[in-house]
Amino acid sequence: FPFRLFPLREHGMNWRAKPLTWQEIQAFKKSKEVMQRFIRAYQLMLRFYGITLINEETGELKRAENWAERFQNLNRFSHNNLRITRILKCLGEMGYEHYQVHLVKFFLTETLVKETLPNVKRSALDYFLFTVRNKRKRRELVHYAWQHFKPRNGFVWGPHDKLLKFR
């Protein structure tokens, strides 16, 4: 049967791939081998996107050597944004919420601060941001996005009065 590199508990674009069950996720998390393979798959996809995982413990990321070439691919083909959303959701399912935070912040920085990925900006704001499970970290990321969004009064992903008072 078809399997997914980043399985979820919801249907994706491949209608033949079965969604995972909660029990299957728990079994995956208990298997050291499965989790190591999961991290290797994550690193493989990051490399494809021009990103390097520099710390397996924290999930910290940086641009890969070939980032400029790979970012052209990300900017040209929007189907990558669906895959990234899926990867982010799967990171949360597998207990890697801290990895979600680093990946979302990476994309917010590249789209809003460095402006290298203009065609990923909407997905980063509309989808990537809201996959982050940790509510406090998600709020921090929304605030970070608001700080760097231009024009600031066009920011619709959080209430401006609360963003102004955010600590």
C-alpha atoms as a PDB file:
ATOM      1  CA  PHE A   1       0.000   0.000   0.000  1.00  0.00           C
ATOM      2  CA  PRO A   2       1.215   3.581  -0.607  1.00  0.00           C
ATOM      3  CA  PHE A   3       3.088   5.127   2.292  1.00  0.00           C
ATOM      4  CA  ARG A   4       4.118   8.673   3.032  1.00  0.00           C
ATOM      5  CA  LEU A   5       7.440  10.073   4.076  1.00  0.00           C
ATOM      6  CA  PHE A   6       5.634  12.411   6.490  1.00  0.00           C
ATOM      7  CA  PRO A   7       2.407  10.643   7.496  1.00  0.00           C
ATOM      8  CA  LEU A   8      -0.429  12.443   9.264  1.00  0.00           C
ATOM      9  CA  ARG A   9      -3.703  11.610  10.953  1.00  0.00           C
ATOM     10  CA  GLU A  10      -5.540  13.314   8.080  1.00  0.00           C
ATOM     11  CA  HIS A  11      -5.971  12.651   4.378  1.00  0.00           C
ATOM     12  CA  GLY A  12      -3.570  14.391   2.024  1.00  0.00           C
ATOM     13  CA  MET A  13      -3.447  14.778  -1.746  1.00  0.00           C
ATOM     14  CA  ASN A  14      -2.749  11.050  -2.264  1.00  0.00           C
ATOM     15  CA  TRP A  15      -6.196   9.512  -1.695  1.00  0.00           C
ATOM     16  CA  ARG A  16      -4.713   5.991  -1.584  1.00  0.00           C
ATOM     17  CA  ALA A  17      -2.445   6.747   1.395  1.00  0.00           C
ATOM     18  CA  LYS A  18      -4.163   5.856   4.667  1.00  0.00           C
ATOM     19  CA  PRO A  19      -4.052   8.414   7.481  1.00  0.00           C
ATOM     20  CA  LEU A  20      -2.082   7.336  10.549  1.00  0.00           C
ATOM     21  CA  THR A  21      -3.824   6.339  13.737  1.00  0.00           C
ATOM     22  CA  TRP A  22      -2.911   7.720  17.154  1.00  0.00           C
ATOM     23  CA  GLN A  23      -1.717   4.223  18.110  1.00  0.00           C
ATOM     24  CA  GLU A  24       0.606   4.043  15.093  1.00  0.00           C
ATOM     25  CA  ILE A  25       2.125   7.401  15.991  1.00  0.00           C
ATOM     26  CA  GLN A  26       2.765   6.194  19.546  1.00  0.00           C
ATOM     27  CA  ALA A  27       4.423   3.031  18.196  1.00  0.00           C
ATOM     28  CA  PHE A  28       6.629   5.131  15.878  1.00  0.00           C
ATOM     29  CA  LYS A  29       7.699   7.368  18.750  1.00  0.00           C
ATOM     30  CA  LYS A  30       8.768   4.326  20.789  1.00  0.00           C
ATOM     31  CA  SER A  31      11.007   3.013  18.013  1.00  0.00           C
ATOM     32  CA  LYS A  32      14.467   4.555  18.031  1.00  0.00           C
ATOM     33  CA  GLU A  33      15.072   3.291  14.479  1.00  0.00           C
ATOM     34  CA  VAL A  34      11.841   4.807  13.127  1.00  0.00           C
ATOM     35  CA  MET A  35      12.594   8.154  14.764  1.00  0.00           C
ATOM     36  CA  GLN A  36      16.167   8.181  13.384  1.00  0.00           C
ATOM     37  CA  ARG A  37      14.771   7.477   9.915  1.00  0.00           C
ATOM     38  CA  PHE A  38      12.255  10.263  10.409  1.00  0.00           C
ATOM     39  CA  ILE A  39      15.038  12.762  11.203  1.00  0.00           C
ATOM     40  CA  ARG A  40      17.039  11.543   8.186  1.00  0.00           C
ATOM     41  CA  ALA A  41      13.974  12.045   5.964  1.00  0.00           C
ATOM     42  CA  TYR A  42      13.543  15.543   7.443  1.00  0.00           C
ATOM     43  CA  GLN A  43      17.197  16.368   6.722  1.00  0.00           C
ATOM     44  CA  LEU A  44      16.825  15.047   3.174  1.00  0.00           C
ATOM     45  CA  MET A  45      13.841  17.318   2.506  1.00  0.00           C
ATOM     46  CA  LEU A  46      15.581  20.283   4.122  1.00  0.00           C
ATOM     47  CA  ARG A  47      18.572  19.777   1.806  1.00  0.00           C
ATOM     48  CA  PHE A  48      16.187  19.657  -1.155  1.00  0.00           C
ATOM     49  CA  TYR A  49      14.863  23.064  -0.037  1.00  0.00           C
ATOM     50  CA  GLY A  50      18.363  24.519   0.531  1.00  0.00           C
ATOM     51  CA  ILE A  51      18.306  24.291   4.329  1.00  0.00           C
ATOM     52  CA  THR A  52      20.646  22.523   6.780  1.00  0.00           C
ATOM     53  CA  LEU A  53      19.753  21.147  10.214  1.00  0.00           C
ATOM     54  CA  ILE A  54      22.712  22.320  12.292  1.00  0.00           C
ATOM     55  CA  ASN A  55      21.564  20.995  15.659  1.00  0.00           C
ATOM     56  CA  GLU A  56      19.560  17.755  15.957  1.00  0.00           C
ATOM     57  CA  GLU A  57      18.896  18.450  19.636  1.00  0.00           C
ATOM     58  CA  THR A  58      17.345  21.909  19.198  1.00  0.00           C
ATOM     59  CA  GLY A  59      16.210  21.805  15.555  1.00  0.00           C
ATOM     60  CA  GLU A  60      18.250  24.912  14.682  1.00  0.00           C
ATOM     61  CA  LEU A  61      18.588  25.573  10.949  1.00  0.00           C
ATOM     62  CA  LYS A  62      20.666  27.594   8.503  1.00  0.00           C
ATOM     63  CA  ARG A  63      20.866  28.105   4.768  1.00  0.00           C
ATOM     64  CA  ALA A  64      22.664  25.306   2.910  1.00  0.00           C
ATOM     65  CA  GLU A  65      25.580  26.002   0.557  1.00  0.00           C
ATOM     66  CA  ASN A  66      23.247  25.668  -2.453  1.00  0.00           C
ATOM     67  CA  TRP A  67      20.480  27.804  -0.942  1.00  0.00           C
ATOM     68  CA  ALA A  68      20.216  30.329  -3.800  1.00  0.00           C
ATOM     69  CA  GLU A  69      19.603  27.632  -6.419  1.00  0.00           C
ATOM     70  CA  ARG A  70      17.194  25.694  -4.169  1.00  0.00           C
ATOM     71  CA  PHE A  71      15.279  28.845  -3.193  1.00  0.00           C
ATOM     72  CA  GLN A  72      14.642  29.487  -6.914  1.00  0.00           C
ATOM     73  CA  ASN A  73      12.885  26.105  -6.978  1.00  0.00           C
ATOM     74  CA  LEU A  74      10.859  27.004  -3.865  1.00  0.00           C
ATOM     75  CA  ASN A  75       9.833  30.320  -5.404  1.00  0.00           C
ATOM     76  CA  ARG A  76       8.869  28.748  -8.725  1.00  0.00           C
ATOM     77  CA  PHE A  77       6.843  25.726  -7.632  1.00  0.00           C
ATOM     78  CA  SER A  78       4.095  26.382  -5.101  1.00  0.00           C
ATOM     79  CA  HIS A  79       3.376  22.649  -4.569  1.00  0.00           C
ATOM     80  CA  ASN A  80       6.425  22.708  -2.268  1.00  0.00           C
ATOM     81  CA  ASN A  81       4.396  24.827   0.151  1.00  0.00           C
ATOM     82  CA  LEU A  82       1.892  21.979   0.621  1.00  0.00           C
ATOM     83  CA  ARG A  83       4.749  19.590   1.353  1.00  0.00           C
ATOM     84  CA  ILE A  84       6.289  21.989   3.851  1.00  0.00           C
ATOM     85  CA  THR A  85       2.930  22.351   5.620  1.00  0.00           C
ATOM     86  CA  ARG A  86       2.683  18.550   5.750  1.00  0.00           C
ATOM     87  CA  ILE A  87       6.242  18.246   7.131  1.00  0.00           C
ATOM     88  CA  LEU A  88       5.460  20.853   9.797  1.00  0.00           C
ATOM     89  CA  LYS A  89       2.279  19.043  10.845  1.00  0.00           C
ATOM     90  CA  CYS A  90       4.129  15.719  10.949  1.00  0.00           C
ATOM     91  CA  LEU A  91       6.903  17.228  13.101  1.00  0.00           C
ATOM     92  CA  GLY A  92       4.184  18.147  15.597  1.00  0.00           C
ATOM     93  CA  GLU A  93       2.612  14.663  15.470  1.00  0.00           C
ATOM     94  CA  MET A  94       5.979  12.999  16.074  1.00  0.00           C
ATOM     95  CA  GLY A  95       6.877  15.117  19.099  1.00  0.00           C
ATOM     96  CA  TYR A  96       9.210  17.562  17.372  1.00  0.00           C
ATOM     97  CA  GLU A  97       7.317  20.757  18.185  1.00  0.00           C
ATOM     98  CA  HIS A  98      10.638  22.552  18.754  1.00  0.00           C
ATOM     99  CA  TYR A  99      11.630  21.684  15.163  1.00  0.00           C
ATOM    100  CA  GLN A 100       8.382  23.284  13.957  1.00  0.00           C
ATOM    101  CA  VAL A 101       9.336  26.565  15.620  1.00  0.00           C
ATOM    102  CA  HIS A 102      12.763  26.693  13.947  1.00  0.00           C
ATOM    103  CA  LEU A 103      11.415  25.806  10.503  1.00  0.00           C
ATOM    104  CA  VAL A 104       8.610  28.384  10.654  1.00  0.00           C
ATOM    105  CA  LYS A 105      10.992  31.075  11.945  1.00  0.00           C
ATOM    106  CA  PHE A 106      13.415  30.190   9.140  1.00  0.00           C
ATOM    107  CA  PHE A 107      10.701  30.763   6.534  1.00  0.00           C
ATOM    108  CA  LEU A 108       9.434  33.945   8.226  1.00  0.00           C
ATOM    109  CA  THR A 109      12.996  35.312   8.223  1.00  0.00           C
ATOM    110  CA  GLU A 110      13.592  34.402   4.586  1.00  0.00           C
ATOM    111  CA  THR A 111      10.234  35.789   3.420  1.00  0.00           C
ATOM    112  CA  LEU A 112       9.794  38.882   5.605  1.00  0.00           C
ATOM    113  CA  VAL A 113      13.312  39.923   6.653  1.00  0.00           C
ATOM    114  CA  LYS A 114      15.665  38.772   3.881  1.00  0.00           C
ATOM    115  CA  GLU A 115      12.899  38.768   1.230  1.00  0.00           C
ATOM    116  CA  THR A 116      14.483  35.812  -0.624  1.00  0.00           C
ATOM    117  CA  LEU A 117      11.270  33.754  -0.868  1.00  0.00           C
ATOM    118  CA  PRO A 118       8.482  36.150  -1.930  1.00  0.00           C
ATOM    119  CA  ASN A 119       6.316  33.333  -3.329  1.00  0.00           C
ATOM    120  CA  VAL A 120       6.424  31.416  -0.043  1.00  0.00           C
ATOM    121  CA  LYS A 121       5.361  34.395   2.097  1.00  0.00           C
ATOM    122  CA  ARG A 122       1.589  33.755   1.959  1.00  0.00           C
ATOM    123  CA  SER A 123       1.981  30.075   2.834  1.00  0.00           C
ATOM    124  CA  ALA A 124       4.389  30.924   5.670  1.00  0.00           C
ATOM    125  CA  LEU A 125       1.841  33.336   7.138  1.00  0.00           C
ATOM    126  CA  ASP A 126      -1.401  31.513   6.298  1.00  0.00           C
ATOM    127  CA  TYR A 127      -0.346  27.916   6.954  1.00  0.00           C
ATOM    128  CA  PHE A 128       3.178  27.306   8.303  1.00  0.00           C
ATOM    129  CA  LEU A 129       2.690  29.649  11.259  1.00  0.00           C
ATOM    130  CA  PHE A 130      -0.481  27.911  12.424  1.00  0.00           C
ATOM    131  CA  THR A 131       0.968  24.389  12.403  1.00  0.00           C
ATOM    132  CA  VAL A 132       3.045  25.258  15.493  1.00  0.00           C
ATOM    133  CA  ARG A 133       1.480  23.366  18.379  1.00  0.00           C
ATOM    134  CA  ASN A 134       3.079  25.251  21.258  1.00  0.00           C
ATOM    135  CA  LYS A 135       0.710  28.190  21.824  1.00  0.00           C
ATOM    136  CA  ARG A 136       3.339  30.448  23.437  1.00  0.00           C
ATOM    137  CA  LYS A 137       5.871  29.768  20.662  1.00  0.00           C
ATOM    138  CA  ARG A 138       3.177  30.312  18.031  1.00  0.00           C
ATOM    139  CA  ARG A 139       2.351  33.690  19.605  1.00  0.00           C
ATOM    140  CA  GLU A 140       6.063  34.596  19.592  1.00  0.00           C
ATOM    141  CA  LEU A 141       6.236  33.708  15.894  1.00  0.00           C
ATOM    142  CA  VAL A 142       3.121  35.757  15.080  1.00  0.00           C
ATOM    143  CA  HIS A 143       4.718  38.689  16.914  1.00  0.00           C
ATOM    144  CA  TYR A 144       7.993  38.167  15.027  1.00  0.00           C
ATOM    145  CA  ALA A 145       6.065  38.114  11.720  1.00  0.00           C
ATOM    146  CA  TRP A 146       4.172  41.285  12.695  1.00  0.00           C
ATOM    147  CA  GLN A 147       7.431  43.071  13.589  1.00  0.00           C
ATOM    148  CA  HIS A 148       8.842  42.384  10.119  1.00  0.00           C
ATOM    149  CA  PHE A 149       5.704  42.609   7.979  1.00  0.00           C
ATOM    150  CA  LYS A 150       5.449  45.563   5.585  1.00  0.00           C
ATOM    151  CA  PRO A 151       3.225  47.528   5.657  1.00  0.00           C
ATOM    152  CA  ARG A 152       2.558  46.713   9.299  1.00  0.00           C
ATOM    153  CA  ASN A 153      -1.075  47.921   9.122  1.00  0.00           C
ATOM    154  CA  GLY A 154      -1.678  45.217   6.476  1.00  0.00           C
ATOM    155  CA  PHE A 155      -0.892  42.447   8.976  1.00  0.00           C
ATOM    156  CA  VAL A 156      -4.037  40.321   9.459  1.00  0.00           C
ATOM    157  CA  TRP A 157      -2.664  37.299  11.375  1.00  0.00           C
ATOM    158  CA  GLY A 158      -3.146  38.714  14.849  1.00  0.00           C
ATOM    159  CA  PRO A 159      -4.859  41.612  16.668  1.00  0.00           C
ATOM    160  CA  HIS A 160      -2.625  44.709  16.529  1.00  0.00           C
ATOM    161  CA  ASP A 161      -3.569  45.866  20.044  1.00  0.00           C
ATOM    162  CA  LYS A 162      -2.360  42.558  21.513  1.00  0.00           C
ATOM    163  CA  LEU A 163       0.741  42.500  19.294  1.00  0.00           C
ATOM    164  CA  LEU A 164       1.694  45.995  20.541  1.00  0.00           C
ATOM    165  CA  LYS A 165       1.538  44.795  24.179  1.00  0.00           C
ATOM    166  CA  PHE A 166       3.191  41.412  23.538  1.00  0.00           C
ATOM    167  CA  ARG A 167       6.028  40.479  25.926  1.00  0.00           C
END
